Amino acid sequence: MASDRKGILSKAKKQLERQSEKLRQKLGHKDDADDVYADMVANFNRQQANDAYDEARKSFEFIDRECHEALPSLYDQRIPFYSATLESHCNTTAIFYGACQSALEQLQLFCSHILSPDTSNEASSTPASANRNAIAAETAAVELPRNALELRVVTHNYEATGDDELNLTRGDQVVVLPFPDPEDAEDEGWLFGRLGECEGMFPENHTQKIDSAA
């Protein structure tokens, strides 16, 4: 029992010693902190701190003033840019929709012609019929010789390059005759005919045959 009591007392003593050591360490740290604080207070320069504060305040006021002066100009520059961009977009959109409307109208016209073929055929055949009738009337006024092969109307002007050629004027009617010299008939693309009182060769692709049946 005595030995147990001594062990308990020894253990409690060691714990008290450790706690006392920790307390002394804390008190020592506190003393060090107090010394540092006292040193800072002793060396504190109030005027220097006030000067630093004033300098910082002036810098802030300068930056604030510069920002307030710059923001309106930036704002004013953006407004025309946004306005011009919006106007350009609107113009482009209007042009696009105008082109779409034109294409739609052409498509509707095309579809209407497809859906009504009889009307379109009548409309397209009317000018051709009138043209054939006019040509037939003019043909009746032209006296064809017995040896005439056909009658052709001039579709393109042609200026003769030799004495054996005819000058052609659009709308003239040429009576096609046999070649006086059979060897000349071998010239492909050329015909021989009479225009008024003149006879000579002329290019076939500058004329069009008049259908006598018209």
N, C-alpha and C. Protein backbone atom coordinates (compact mmCIF):
# COMPACT_ATOMS: atom_id res chain seq x y z
N MET A 1 0.83 -1.20 0.00
CA MET A 1 0.00 0.00 0.00
C MET A 1 0.86 1.25 0.00
N ALA A 2 1.94 1.20 0.79
CA ALA A 2 2.82 2.37 0.87
C ALA A 2 3.48 2.64 -0.46
N SER A 3 3.87 1.55 -1.15
CA SER A 3 4.53 1.73 -2.45
C SER A 3 3.55 2.30 -3.48
N ASP A 4 2.31 1.89 -3.44
CA ASP A 4 1.31 2.42 -4.36
C ASP A 4 1.08 3.90 -4.11
N ARG A 5 1.04 4.28 -2.85
CA ARG A 5 0.83 5.69 -2.52
C ARG A 5 1.97 6.54 -3.03
N LYS A 6 3.21 6.01 -2.90
CA LYS A 6 4.36 6.77 -3.38
C LYS A 6 4.31 6.93 -4.90
N GLY A 7 3.87 5.87 -5.59
CA GLY A 7 3.79 5.95 -7.06
C GLY A 7 2.79 7.00 -7.50
N ILE A 8 1.65 7.06 -6.83
CA ILE A 8 0.62 8.04 -7.20
C ILE A 8 1.11 9.45 -6.95
N LEU A 9 1.78 9.65 -5.79
CA LEU A 9 2.29 10.99 -5.47
C LEU A 9 3.37 11.41 -6.46
N SER A 10 4.21 10.45 -6.85
CA SER A 10 5.28 10.77 -7.80
C SER A 10 4.71 11.16 -9.16
N LYS A 11 3.69 10.46 -9.58
CA LYS A 11 3.05 10.75 -10.87
C LYS A 11 2.38 12.11 -10.85
N ALA A 12 1.70 12.42 -9.73
CA ALA A 12 1.02 13.71 -9.62
C ALA A 12 2.03 14.84 -9.59
N LYS A 13 3.18 14.60 -8.95
CA LYS A 13 4.22 15.62 -8.88
C LYS A 13 4.77 15.93 -10.27
N LYS A 14 4.96 14.88 -11.07
CA LYS A 14 5.49 15.09 -12.42
C LYS A 14 4.49 15.88 -13.27
N GLN A 15 3.21 15.58 -13.11
CA GLN A 15 2.20 16.32 -13.87
C GLN A 15 2.19 17.79 -13.48
N LEU A 16 2.32 18.06 -12.17
CA LEU A 16 2.34 19.44 -11.71
C LEU A 16 3.58 20.16 -12.24
N GLU A 17 4.69 19.45 -12.29
CA GLU A 17 5.91 20.07 -12.81
C GLU A 17 5.76 20.42 -14.30
N ARG A 18 5.15 19.50 -15.07
CA ARG A 18 4.96 19.77 -16.50
C ARG A 18 4.03 20.96 -16.72
N GLN A 19 2.95 21.00 -15.95
CA GLN A 19 2.02 22.12 -16.08
C GLN A 19 2.66 23.44 -15.69
N SER A 20 3.50 23.38 -14.65
CA SER A 20 4.20 24.60 -14.22
C SER A 20 5.16 25.07 -15.30
N GLU A 21 5.83 24.12 -15.96
CA GLU A 21 6.77 24.48 -17.04
C GLU A 21 6.04 25.12 -18.21
N LYS A 22 4.89 24.56 -18.57
CA LYS A 22 4.10 25.14 -19.66
C LYS A 22 3.65 26.55 -19.32
N LEU A 23 3.25 26.74 -18.07
CA LEU A 23 2.79 28.05 -17.64
C LEU A 23 3.92 29.06 -17.70
N ARG A 24 5.12 28.63 -17.27
CA ARG A 24 6.28 29.54 -17.33
C ARG A 24 6.62 29.89 -18.79
N GLN A 25 6.46 28.90 -19.70
CA GLN A 25 6.74 29.17 -21.11
C GLN A 25 5.75 30.18 -21.68
N LYS A 26 4.49 30.02 -21.32
CA LYS A 26 3.49 30.97 -21.79
C LYS A 26 3.75 32.36 -21.27
N LEU A 27 4.11 32.41 -19.98
CA LEU A 27 4.41 33.72 -19.41
C LEU A 27 5.63 34.33 -20.08
N GLY A 28 6.58 33.47 -20.43
CA GLY A 28 7.76 33.97 -21.13
C GLY A 28 7.40 34.51 -22.51
N HIS A 29 6.54 33.80 -23.25
CA HIS A 29 6.09 34.29 -24.56
C HIS A 29 5.34 35.60 -24.42
N LYS A 30 4.54 35.71 -23.37
CA LYS A 30 3.80 36.94 -23.16
C LYS A 30 4.76 38.10 -22.91
N ASP A 31 5.79 37.82 -22.15
CA ASP A 31 6.77 38.87 -21.89
C ASP A 31 7.45 39.30 -23.17
N ASP A 32 7.76 38.31 -24.02
CA ASP A 32 8.40 38.65 -25.30
C ASP A 32 7.47 39.50 -26.16
N ALA A 33 6.18 39.12 -26.20
CA ALA A 33 5.21 39.89 -26.98
C ALA A 33 5.07 41.29 -26.44
N ASP A 34 5.07 41.41 -25.11
CA ASP A 34 4.97 42.74 -24.52
C ASP A 34 6.18 43.59 -24.90
N ASP A 35 7.34 42.94 -24.95
CA ASP A 35 8.54 43.69 -25.32
C ASP A 35 8.47 44.17 -26.77
N VAL A 36 7.98 43.29 -27.67
CA VAL A 36 7.87 43.68 -29.08
C VAL A 36 6.88 44.82 -29.24
N TYR A 37 5.74 44.74 -28.56
CA TYR A 37 4.73 45.79 -28.66
C TYR A 37 5.27 47.11 -28.13
N ALA A 38 5.97 47.01 -27.00
CA ALA A 38 6.54 48.23 -26.41
C ALA A 38 7.55 48.86 -27.35
N ASP A 39 8.33 48.01 -28.02
CA ASP A 39 9.32 48.53 -28.97
C ASP A 39 8.64 49.21 -30.16
N MET A 40 7.53 48.61 -30.67
CA MET A 40 6.79 49.20 -31.79
C MET A 40 6.21 50.55 -31.40
N VAL A 41 5.65 50.62 -30.18
CA VAL A 41 5.07 51.88 -29.72
C VAL A 41 6.14 52.95 -29.58
N ALA A 42 7.30 52.53 -29.11
CA ALA A 42 8.38 53.50 -28.89
C ALA A 42 8.91 54.04 -30.21
N ASN A 43 8.94 53.17 -31.24
CA ASN A 43 9.50 53.58 -32.53
C ASN A 43 8.43 54.08 -33.52
N PHE A 44 7.18 54.16 -33.12
CA PHE A 44 6.11 54.57 -34.03
C PHE A 44 6.24 56.05 -34.38
N ASN A 45 6.15 56.35 -35.73
CA ASN A 45 6.25 57.71 -36.23
C ASN A 45 4.89 58.11 -36.78
N ARG A 46 4.14 58.87 -36.02
CA ARG A 46 2.78 59.23 -36.42
C ARG A 46 2.78 60.10 -37.69
N GLN A 47 3.72 60.99 -37.82
CA GLN A 47 3.76 61.87 -38.98
C GLN A 47 4.01 61.08 -40.27
N GLN A 48 4.91 60.10 -40.18
CA GLN A 48 5.19 59.27 -41.35
C GLN A 48 3.96 58.47 -41.76
N ALA A 49 3.23 57.96 -40.76
CA ALA A 49 2.01 57.21 -41.07
C ALA A 49 0.96 58.11 -41.71
N ASN A 50 0.83 59.34 -41.21
CA ASN A 50 -0.14 60.27 -41.79
C ASN A 50 0.24 60.64 -43.22
N ASP A 51 1.54 60.81 -43.48
CA ASP A 51 1.98 61.12 -44.84
C ASP A 51 1.67 59.97 -45.81
N ALA A 52 1.90 58.74 -45.34
CA ALA A 52 1.60 57.58 -46.19
C ALA A 52 0.11 57.49 -46.48
N TYR A 53 -0.70 57.80 -45.47
CA TYR A 53 -2.15 57.76 -45.66
C TYR A 53 -2.60 58.82 -46.67
N ASP A 54 -2.05 60.04 -46.54
CA ASP A 54 -2.41 61.11 -47.46
C ASP A 54 -2.00 60.77 -48.90
N GLU A 55 -0.83 60.16 -49.05
CA GLU A 55 -0.36 59.78 -50.39
C GLU A 55 -1.28 58.73 -51.01
N ALA A 56 -1.69 57.77 -50.20
CA ALA A 56 -2.60 56.73 -50.69
C ALA A 56 -3.95 57.32 -51.08
N ARG A 57 -4.46 58.27 -50.28
CA ARG A 57 -5.74 58.89 -50.57
C ARG A 57 -5.68 59.70 -51.86
N LYS A 58 -4.57 60.43 -52.08
CA LYS A 58 -4.41 61.21 -53.30
C LYS A 58 -4.36 60.30 -54.54
N SER A 59 -3.65 59.19 -54.40
CA SER A 59 -3.57 58.25 -55.52
C SER A 59 -4.95 57.70 -55.86
N PHE A 60 -5.72 57.37 -54.84
CA PHE A 60 -7.07 56.85 -55.07
C PHE A 60 -7.95 57.90 -55.74
N GLU A 61 -7.88 59.14 -55.28
CA GLU A 61 -8.70 60.21 -55.87
C GLU A 61 -8.31 60.45 -57.33
N PHE A 62 -7.01 60.38 -57.63
CA PHE A 62 -6.55 60.58 -59.01
C PHE A 62 -7.09 59.47 -59.93
N ILE A 63 -6.98 58.23 -59.46
CA ILE A 63 -7.48 57.11 -60.27
C ILE A 63 -8.99 57.20 -60.45
N ASP A 64 -9.69 57.58 -59.40
CA ASP A 64 -11.14 57.70 -59.48
C ASP A 64 -11.55 58.79 -60.48
N ARG A 65 -10.83 59.91 -60.47
CA ARG A 65 -11.13 61.00 -61.39
C ARG A 65 -10.84 60.61 -62.84
N GLU A 66 -9.74 59.90 -63.06
CA GLU A 66 -9.40 59.45 -64.41
C GLU A 66 -10.47 58.49 -64.95
N CYS A 67 -10.96 57.62 -64.09
CA CYS A 67 -11.99 56.67 -64.53
C CYS A 67 -13.27 57.40 -64.91
N HIS A 68 -13.67 58.38 -64.10
CA HIS A 68 -14.90 59.11 -64.40
C HIS A 68 -14.77 59.93 -65.69
N GLU A 69 -13.57 60.40 -66.00
CA GLU A 69 -13.38 61.17 -67.23
C GLU A 69 -13.31 60.27 -68.46
N ALA A 70 -12.80 59.05 -68.28
CA ALA A 70 -12.62 58.15 -69.42
C ALA A 70 -13.90 57.41 -69.79
N LEU A 71 -14.72 57.10 -68.79
CA LEU A 71 -15.91 56.29 -69.06
C LEU A 71 -16.88 56.95 -70.05
N PRO A 72 -17.19 58.25 -69.95
CA PRO A 72 -18.12 58.84 -70.93
C PRO A 72 -17.62 58.74 -72.37
N SER A 73 -16.32 58.98 -72.58
CA SER A 73 -15.79 58.90 -73.95
C SER A 73 -15.88 57.48 -74.49
N LEU A 74 -15.59 56.51 -73.63
CA LEU A 74 -15.74 55.12 -74.06
C LEU A 74 -17.19 54.80 -74.39
N TYR A 75 -18.09 55.31 -73.58
CA TYR A 75 -19.51 55.09 -73.81
C TYR A 75 -19.96 55.73 -75.12
N ASP A 76 -19.50 56.98 -75.36
CA ASP A 76 -19.89 57.69 -76.58
C ASP A 76 -19.34 57.01 -77.83
N GLN A 77 -18.18 56.37 -77.74
CA GLN A 77 -17.61 55.68 -78.89
C GLN A 77 -18.36 54.40 -79.20
N ARG A 78 -18.89 53.77 -78.20
CA ARG A 78 -19.58 52.50 -78.43
C ARG A 78 -20.96 52.70 -79.04
N ILE A 79 -21.64 53.79 -78.68
CA ILE A 79 -22.99 54.01 -79.18
C ILE A 79 -23.03 54.10 -80.71
N PRO A 80 -22.19 54.94 -81.37
CA PRO A 80 -22.23 54.96 -82.85
C PRO A 80 -21.87 53.62 -83.47
N PHE A 81 -20.93 52.91 -82.84
CA PHE A 81 -20.53 51.61 -83.39
C PHE A 81 -21.71 50.63 -83.36
N TYR A 82 -22.38 50.57 -82.21
CA TYR A 82 -23.53 49.66 -82.11
C TYR A 82 -24.65 50.10 -83.06
N SER A 83 -24.84 51.41 -83.18
CA SER A 83 -25.89 51.91 -84.06
C SER A 83 -25.61 51.57 -85.52
N ALA A 84 -24.34 51.79 -85.95
CA ALA A 84 -23.97 51.48 -87.34
C ALA A 84 -24.08 49.98 -87.62
N THR A 85 -23.68 49.18 -86.64
CA THR A 85 -23.76 47.73 -86.82
C THR A 85 -25.21 47.28 -86.96
N LEU A 86 -26.08 47.84 -86.12
CA LEU A 86 -27.50 47.48 -86.19
C LEU A 86 -28.12 47.93 -87.51
N GLU A 87 -27.76 49.14 -87.97
CA GLU A 87 -28.30 49.64 -89.23
C GLU A 87 -27.85 48.78 -90.40
N SER A 88 -26.56 48.39 -90.40
CA SER A 88 -26.05 47.53 -91.46
C SER A 88 -26.77 46.18 -91.47
N HIS A 89 -27.00 45.66 -90.28
CA HIS A 89 -27.70 44.37 -90.18
C HIS A 89 -29.13 44.49 -90.72
N CYS A 90 -29.80 45.59 -90.39
CA CYS A 90 -31.17 45.79 -90.86
C CYS A 90 -31.21 45.93 -92.39
N ASN A 91 -30.24 46.68 -92.96
CA ASN A 91 -30.20 46.84 -94.41
C ASN A 91 -29.95 45.51 -95.10
N THR A 92 -29.02 44.73 -94.56
CA THR A 92 -28.74 43.42 -95.15
C THR A 92 -29.96 42.52 -95.07
N THR A 93 -30.66 42.58 -93.95
CA THR A 93 -31.86 41.76 -93.80
C THR A 93 -32.94 42.18 -94.80
N ALA A 94 -33.09 43.50 -95.01
CA ALA A 94 -34.08 43.99 -95.96
C ALA A 94 -33.75 43.53 -97.38
N ILE A 95 -32.47 43.60 -97.75
CA ILE A 95 -32.06 43.15 -99.09
C ILE A 95 -32.32 41.66 -99.26
N PHE A 96 -32.03 40.90 -98.21
CA PHE A 96 -32.23 39.45 -98.27
C PHE A 96 -33.70 39.11 -98.47
N TYR A 97 -34.57 39.75 -97.67
CA TYR A 97 -35.99 39.46 -97.79
C TYR A 97 -36.55 39.96 -99.12
N GLY A 98 -35.99 41.07 -99.64
CA GLY A 98 -36.42 41.53 -100.95
C GLY A 98 -36.08 40.53 -102.05
N ALA A 99 -34.86 39.96 -101.96
CA ALA A 99 -34.46 38.94 -102.94
C ALA A 99 -35.33 37.70 -102.81
N CYS A 100 -35.66 37.33 -101.57
CA CYS A 100 -36.54 36.17 -101.36
C CYS A 100 -37.92 36.41 -101.95
N GLN A 101 -38.44 37.64 -101.78
CA GLN A 101 -39.76 37.97 -102.32
C GLN A 101 -39.75 37.90 -103.84
N SER A 102 -38.67 38.43 -104.46
CA SER A 102 -38.57 38.38 -105.92
C SER A 102 -38.48 36.95 -106.42
N ALA A 103 -37.68 36.13 -105.72
CA ALA A 103 -37.56 34.72 -106.12
C ALA A 103 -38.89 34.00 -105.97
N LEU A 104 -39.64 34.33 -104.91
CA LEU A 104 -40.94 33.70 -104.69
C LEU A 104 -41.92 34.08 -105.80
N GLU A 105 -41.91 35.34 -106.21
CA GLU A 105 -42.81 35.77 -107.28
C GLU A 105 -42.47 35.06 -108.59
N GLN A 106 -41.17 34.94 -108.89
CA GLN A 106 -40.78 34.24 -110.11
C GLN A 106 -41.17 32.77 -110.05
N LEU A 107 -41.02 32.17 -108.87
CA LEU A 107 -41.40 30.77 -108.71
C LEU A 107 -42.90 30.59 -108.89
N GLN A 108 -43.69 31.50 -108.33
CA GLN A 108 -45.14 31.42 -108.49
C GLN A 108 -45.54 31.57 -109.96
N LEU A 109 -44.87 32.49 -110.67
CA LEU A 109 -45.17 32.68 -112.09
C LEU A 109 -44.81 31.42 -112.88
N PHE A 110 -43.67 30.83 -112.55
CA PHE A 110 -43.25 29.60 -113.23
C PHE A 110 -44.24 28.47 -112.97
N CYS A 111 -44.67 28.34 -111.71
CA CYS A 111 -45.63 27.28 -111.37
C CYS A 111 -46.97 27.51 -112.06
N SER A 112 -47.39 28.76 -112.18
CA SER A 112 -48.66 29.04 -112.86
C SER A 112 -48.59 28.66 -114.33
N HIS A 113 -47.43 28.84 -114.96
CA HIS A 113 -47.27 28.44 -116.36
C HIS A 113 -47.31 26.92 -116.49
N ILE A 114 -46.72 26.23 -115.52
CA ILE A 114 -46.72 24.77 -115.58
C ILE A 114 -48.12 24.22 -115.38
N LEU A 115 -48.86 24.81 -114.45
CA LEU A 115 -50.20 24.31 -114.13
C LEU A 115 -51.22 24.65 -115.21
N SER A 116 -50.92 25.63 -116.08
CA SER A 116 -51.86 25.98 -117.15
C SER A 116 -51.13 25.94 -118.49
N PRO A 117 -50.81 24.72 -118.98
CA PRO A 117 -50.04 24.61 -120.23
C PRO A 117 -50.80 25.11 -121.44
N ASP A 118 -52.13 24.97 -121.45
CA ASP A 118 -52.89 25.40 -122.62
C ASP A 118 -52.76 26.90 -122.84
N THR A 119 -52.88 27.64 -121.72
CA THR A 119 -52.79 29.10 -121.81
C THR A 119 -51.41 29.53 -122.27
N SER A 120 -50.37 28.88 -121.69
CA SER A 120 -49.01 29.26 -122.06
C SER A 120 -48.72 28.92 -123.51
N ASN A 121 -49.27 27.78 -123.99
CA ASN A 121 -49.04 27.42 -125.39
C ASN A 121 -49.71 28.40 -126.32
N GLU A 122 -50.94 28.81 -125.95
CA GLU A 122 -51.64 29.78 -126.78
C GLU A 122 -50.89 31.10 -126.82
N ALA A 123 -50.38 31.51 -125.63
CA ALA A 123 -49.67 32.79 -125.56
C ALA A 123 -48.38 32.74 -126.35
N SER A 124 -47.68 31.59 -126.27
CA SER A 124 -46.41 31.49 -126.98
C SER A 124 -46.59 31.29 -128.46
N SER A 125 -47.72 30.67 -128.86
CA SER A 125 -47.92 30.41 -130.28
C SER A 125 -48.48 31.61 -131.01
N THR A 126 -49.11 32.53 -130.30
CA THR A 126 -49.72 33.68 -130.95
C THR A 126 -48.71 34.55 -131.69
N PRO A 127 -47.57 34.94 -131.06
CA PRO A 127 -46.60 35.75 -131.80
C PRO A 127 -46.03 35.00 -133.00
N ALA A 128 -45.78 33.69 -132.84
CA ALA A 128 -45.22 32.93 -133.95
C ALA A 128 -46.21 32.88 -135.11
N SER A 129 -47.50 32.68 -134.77
CA SER A 129 -48.51 32.63 -135.82
C SER A 129 -48.61 33.96 -136.54
N ALA A 130 -48.58 35.04 -135.75
CA ALA A 130 -48.65 36.37 -136.36
C ALA A 130 -47.46 36.62 -137.25
N ASN A 131 -46.27 36.16 -136.81
CA ASN A 131 -45.06 36.36 -137.60
C ASN A 131 -45.14 35.58 -138.91
N ARG A 132 -45.63 34.34 -138.82
CA ARG A 132 -45.75 33.53 -140.04
C ARG A 132 -46.76 34.15 -141.00
N ASN A 133 -47.85 34.67 -140.45
CA ASN A 133 -48.85 35.30 -141.32
C ASN A 133 -48.28 36.52 -142.02
N ALA A 134 -47.47 37.31 -141.26
CA ALA A 134 -46.89 38.50 -141.87
C ALA A 134 -45.92 38.12 -142.97
N ILE A 135 -45.11 37.06 -142.71
CA ILE A 135 -44.15 36.62 -143.72
C ILE A 135 -44.88 36.09 -144.95
N ALA A 136 -45.96 35.36 -144.70
CA ALA A 136 -46.72 34.81 -145.82
C ALA A 136 -47.31 35.94 -146.67
N ALA A 137 -47.77 37.01 -146.01
CA ALA A 137 -48.33 38.14 -146.75
C ALA A 137 -47.26 38.80 -147.60
N GLU A 138 -46.05 38.95 -147.02
CA GLU A 138 -44.97 39.57 -147.78
C GLU A 138 -44.52 38.65 -148.92
N THR A 139 -44.55 37.33 -148.67
CA THR A 139 -44.14 36.38 -149.70
C THR A 139 -45.07 36.45 -150.90
N ALA A 140 -46.35 36.65 -150.62
CA ALA A 140 -47.31 36.73 -151.72
C ALA A 140 -47.01 37.89 -152.64
N ALA A 141 -46.36 38.94 -152.08
CA ALA A 141 -46.06 40.12 -152.89
C ALA A 141 -44.81 39.93 -153.73
N VAL A 142 -44.00 38.88 -153.42
CA VAL A 142 -42.78 38.64 -154.17
C VAL A 142 -43.09 37.69 -155.33
N GLU A 143 -42.72 38.10 -156.51
CA GLU A 143 -42.97 37.27 -157.69
C GLU A 143 -41.80 36.31 -157.87
N LEU A 144 -42.07 35.02 -157.76
CA LEU A 144 -41.02 34.00 -157.85
C LEU A 144 -40.87 33.54 -159.29
N PRO A 145 -39.63 33.48 -159.78
CA PRO A 145 -39.41 32.94 -161.13
C PRO A 145 -39.64 31.43 -161.15
N ARG A 146 -39.72 30.88 -162.34
CA ARG A 146 -40.01 29.46 -162.47
C ARG A 146 -38.89 28.59 -161.89
N ASN A 147 -37.65 29.05 -162.03
CA ASN A 147 -36.53 28.24 -161.56
C ASN A 147 -36.18 28.49 -160.09
N ALA A 148 -37.05 29.21 -159.36
CA ALA A 148 -36.78 29.51 -157.95
C ALA A 148 -36.82 28.23 -157.12
N LEU A 149 -35.84 28.08 -156.24
CA LEU A 149 -35.79 26.91 -155.36
C LEU A 149 -36.55 27.15 -154.05
N GLU A 150 -36.39 28.33 -153.50
CA GLU A 150 -37.07 28.68 -152.25
C GLU A 150 -36.94 30.17 -152.03
N LEU A 151 -37.62 30.63 -151.00
CA LEU A 151 -37.57 32.04 -150.62
C LEU A 151 -37.05 32.14 -149.19
N ARG A 152 -36.09 33.04 -148.97
CA ARG A 152 -35.48 33.18 -147.64
C ARG A 152 -35.53 34.64 -147.22
N VAL A 153 -35.66 34.85 -145.91
CA VAL A 153 -35.67 36.20 -145.36
C VAL A 153 -34.34 36.43 -144.64
N VAL A 154 -33.79 37.63 -144.76
CA VAL A 154 -32.50 37.97 -144.16
C VAL A 154 -32.69 38.22 -142.67
N THR A 155 -31.92 37.52 -141.85
CA THR A 155 -31.99 37.68 -140.39
C THR A 155 -30.82 38.49 -139.83
N HIS A 156 -29.70 38.57 -140.59
CA HIS A 156 -28.53 39.34 -140.15
C HIS A 156 -27.95 40.08 -141.34
N ASN A 157 -27.53 41.29 -141.11
CA ASN A 157 -26.93 42.08 -142.18
C ASN A 157 -25.62 41.44 -142.64
N TYR A 158 -25.34 41.62 -143.93
CA TYR A 158 -24.08 41.10 -144.48
C TYR A 158 -23.61 42.05 -145.57
N GLU A 159 -22.32 42.40 -145.50
CA GLU A 159 -21.72 43.29 -146.49
C GLU A 159 -20.87 42.46 -147.44
N ALA A 160 -21.17 42.56 -148.71
CA ALA A 160 -20.48 41.76 -149.72
C ALA A 160 -18.99 42.07 -149.73
N THR A 161 -18.20 41.03 -149.94
CA THR A 161 -16.74 41.18 -150.02
C THR A 161 -16.24 41.00 -151.45
N GLY A 162 -17.16 40.79 -152.39
CA GLY A 162 -16.77 40.63 -153.79
C GLY A 162 -17.93 40.99 -154.70
N ASP A 163 -17.63 41.11 -155.99
CA ASP A 163 -18.68 41.48 -156.95
C ASP A 163 -19.69 40.37 -157.15
N ASP A 164 -19.32 39.14 -156.79
CA ASP A 164 -20.23 38.01 -157.00
C ASP A 164 -21.08 37.72 -155.76
N GLU A 165 -21.12 38.64 -154.79
CA GLU A 165 -21.89 38.44 -153.57
C GLU A 165 -22.97 39.51 -153.44
N LEU A 166 -23.98 39.22 -152.62
CA LEU A 166 -25.08 40.14 -152.39
C LEU A 166 -24.89 40.87 -151.06
N ASN A 167 -25.29 42.13 -151.02
CA ASN A 167 -25.38 42.86 -149.75
C ASN A 167 -26.74 42.56 -149.12
N LEU A 168 -26.70 42.08 -147.89
CA LEU A 168 -27.95 41.69 -147.22
C LEU A 168 -28.30 42.69 -146.13
N THR A 169 -29.57 43.03 -146.06
CA THR A 169 -30.09 43.88 -145.00
C THR A 169 -31.22 43.12 -144.31
N ARG A 170 -31.20 43.16 -143.02
CA ARG A 170 -32.19 42.39 -142.26
C ARG A 170 -33.61 42.75 -142.69
N GLY A 171 -34.39 41.71 -142.97
CA GLY A 171 -35.76 41.90 -143.42
C GLY A 171 -35.94 41.72 -144.91
N ASP A 172 -34.83 41.81 -145.67
CA ASP A 172 -34.92 41.58 -147.12
C ASP A 172 -35.29 40.13 -147.41
N GLN A 173 -35.92 39.93 -148.57
CA GLN A 173 -36.27 38.58 -149.01
C GLN A 173 -35.46 38.24 -150.25
N VAL A 174 -34.81 37.08 -150.17
CA VAL A 174 -33.93 36.65 -151.26
C VAL A 174 -34.53 35.41 -151.91
N VAL A 175 -34.63 35.45 -153.24
CA VAL A 175 -35.10 34.28 -153.99
C VAL A 175 -33.90 33.40 -154.30
N VAL A 176 -33.93 32.17 -153.81
CA VAL A 176 -32.82 31.25 -154.01
C VAL A 176 -32.95 30.61 -155.39
N LEU A 177 -31.85 30.68 -156.17
CA LEU A 177 -31.82 30.13 -157.53
C LEU A 177 -30.70 29.09 -157.63
N PRO A 178 -30.75 28.27 -158.67
CA PRO A 178 -29.64 27.32 -158.86
C PRO A 178 -28.35 28.08 -159.20
N PHE A 179 -27.22 27.51 -158.79
CA PHE A 179 -25.93 28.12 -159.11
C PHE A 179 -25.71 28.08 -160.62
N PRO A 180 -25.30 29.21 -161.23
CA PRO A 180 -25.00 29.20 -162.66
C PRO A 180 -23.86 28.22 -162.97
N ASP A 181 -22.88 28.17 -162.09
CA ASP A 181 -21.76 27.25 -162.25
C ASP A 181 -21.92 26.14 -161.22
N PRO A 182 -22.16 24.90 -161.65
CA PRO A 182 -22.37 23.80 -160.70
C PRO A 182 -21.22 23.64 -159.71
N GLU A 183 -20.01 24.03 -160.08
CA GLU A 183 -18.89 23.89 -159.16
C GLU A 183 -19.04 24.79 -157.93
N ASP A 184 -19.70 25.94 -158.11
CA ASP A 184 -19.91 26.84 -156.98
C ASP A 184 -20.86 26.24 -155.94
N ALA A 185 -21.68 25.30 -156.37
CA ALA A 185 -22.63 24.66 -155.44
C ALA A 185 -21.91 23.83 -154.39
N GLU A 186 -20.63 23.55 -154.63
CA GLU A 186 -19.86 22.76 -153.67
C GLU A 186 -19.43 23.59 -152.47
N ASP A 187 -19.56 24.91 -152.54
CA ASP A 187 -19.20 25.76 -151.40
C ASP A 187 -20.27 25.62 -150.32
N GLU A 188 -19.97 24.83 -149.32
CA GLU A 188 -20.95 24.56 -148.26
C GLU A 188 -21.22 25.82 -147.45
N GLY A 189 -22.49 26.07 -147.16
CA GLY A 189 -22.88 27.24 -146.37
C GLY A 189 -23.18 28.46 -147.21
N TRP A 190 -23.10 28.34 -148.53
CA TRP A 190 -23.38 29.47 -149.42
C TRP A 190 -24.51 29.10 -150.38
N LEU A 191 -25.31 30.10 -150.71
CA LEU A 191 -26.42 29.94 -151.66
C LEU A 191 -26.30 31.01 -152.74
N PHE A 192 -27.03 30.77 -153.82
CA PHE A 192 -27.08 31.76 -154.90
C PHE A 192 -28.52 32.24 -155.02
N GLY A 193 -28.69 33.55 -155.16
CA GLY A 193 -30.05 34.05 -155.23
C GLY A 193 -30.14 35.42 -155.85
N ARG A 194 -31.38 35.92 -155.86
CA ARG A 194 -31.68 37.22 -156.46
C ARG A 194 -32.31 38.10 -155.39
N LEU A 195 -31.80 39.33 -155.30
CA LEU A 195 -32.33 40.33 -154.38
C LEU A 195 -32.58 41.59 -155.19
N GLY A 196 -33.85 41.84 -155.45
CA GLY A 196 -34.17 42.97 -156.33
C GLY A 196 -33.73 42.67 -157.75
N GLU A 197 -32.86 43.52 -158.29
CA GLU A 197 -32.34 43.33 -159.64
C GLU A 197 -30.96 42.69 -159.63
N CYS A 198 -30.43 42.38 -158.43
CA CYS A 198 -29.07 41.85 -158.31
C CYS A 198 -29.11 40.35 -158.03
N GLU A 199 -28.13 39.67 -158.58
CA GLU A 199 -27.95 38.26 -158.33
C GLU A 199 -26.54 38.01 -157.83
N GLY A 200 -26.40 37.03 -156.93
CA GLY A 200 -25.08 36.72 -156.41
C GLY A 200 -25.17 35.70 -155.27
N MET A 201 -24.00 35.40 -154.71
CA MET A 201 -23.93 34.44 -153.61
C MET A 201 -24.13 35.17 -152.27
N PHE A 202 -24.59 34.41 -151.29
CA PHE A 202 -24.78 34.98 -149.95
C PHE A 202 -24.69 33.85 -148.92
N PRO A 203 -24.29 34.17 -147.68
CA PRO A 203 -24.16 33.13 -146.65
C PRO A 203 -25.53 32.64 -146.18
N GLU A 204 -25.67 31.33 -146.14
CA GLU A 204 -26.96 30.74 -145.77
C GLU A 204 -27.33 31.04 -144.32
N ASN A 205 -26.31 31.10 -143.41
CA ASN A 205 -26.61 31.28 -141.99
C ASN A 205 -27.04 32.70 -141.64
N HIS A 206 -27.07 33.60 -142.64
CA HIS A 206 -27.58 34.95 -142.42
C HIS A 206 -29.04 35.08 -142.84
N THR A 207 -29.63 33.97 -143.24
CA THR A 207 -31.02 34.00 -143.71
C THR A 207 -31.80 32.86 -143.09
N GLN A 208 -33.11 32.91 -143.27
CA GLN A 208 -33.99 31.87 -142.77
C GLN A 208 -35.02 31.54 -143.84
N LYS A 209 -35.23 30.25 -144.03
CA LYS A 209 -36.17 29.82 -145.08
C LYS A 209 -37.59 30.19 -144.69
N ILE A 210 -38.33 30.68 -145.68
CA ILE A 210 -39.74 31.00 -145.47
C ILE A 210 -40.57 29.81 -145.91
N ASP A 211 -41.35 29.30 -144.97
CA ASP A 211 -42.17 28.13 -145.26
C ASP A 211 -43.35 28.56 -146.11
N SER A 212 -43.41 28.05 -147.31
CA SER A 212 -44.50 28.44 -148.22
C SER A 212 -45.84 27.93 -147.75
N ALA A 213 -45.82 26.88 -146.90
CA ALA A 213 -47.08 26.32 -146.39
C ALA A 213 -47.71 27.20 -145.35
N ALA A 214 -46.90 28.16 -144.78
CA ALA A 214 -47.44 29.04 -143.76
C ALA A 214 -48.45 29.97 -144.36
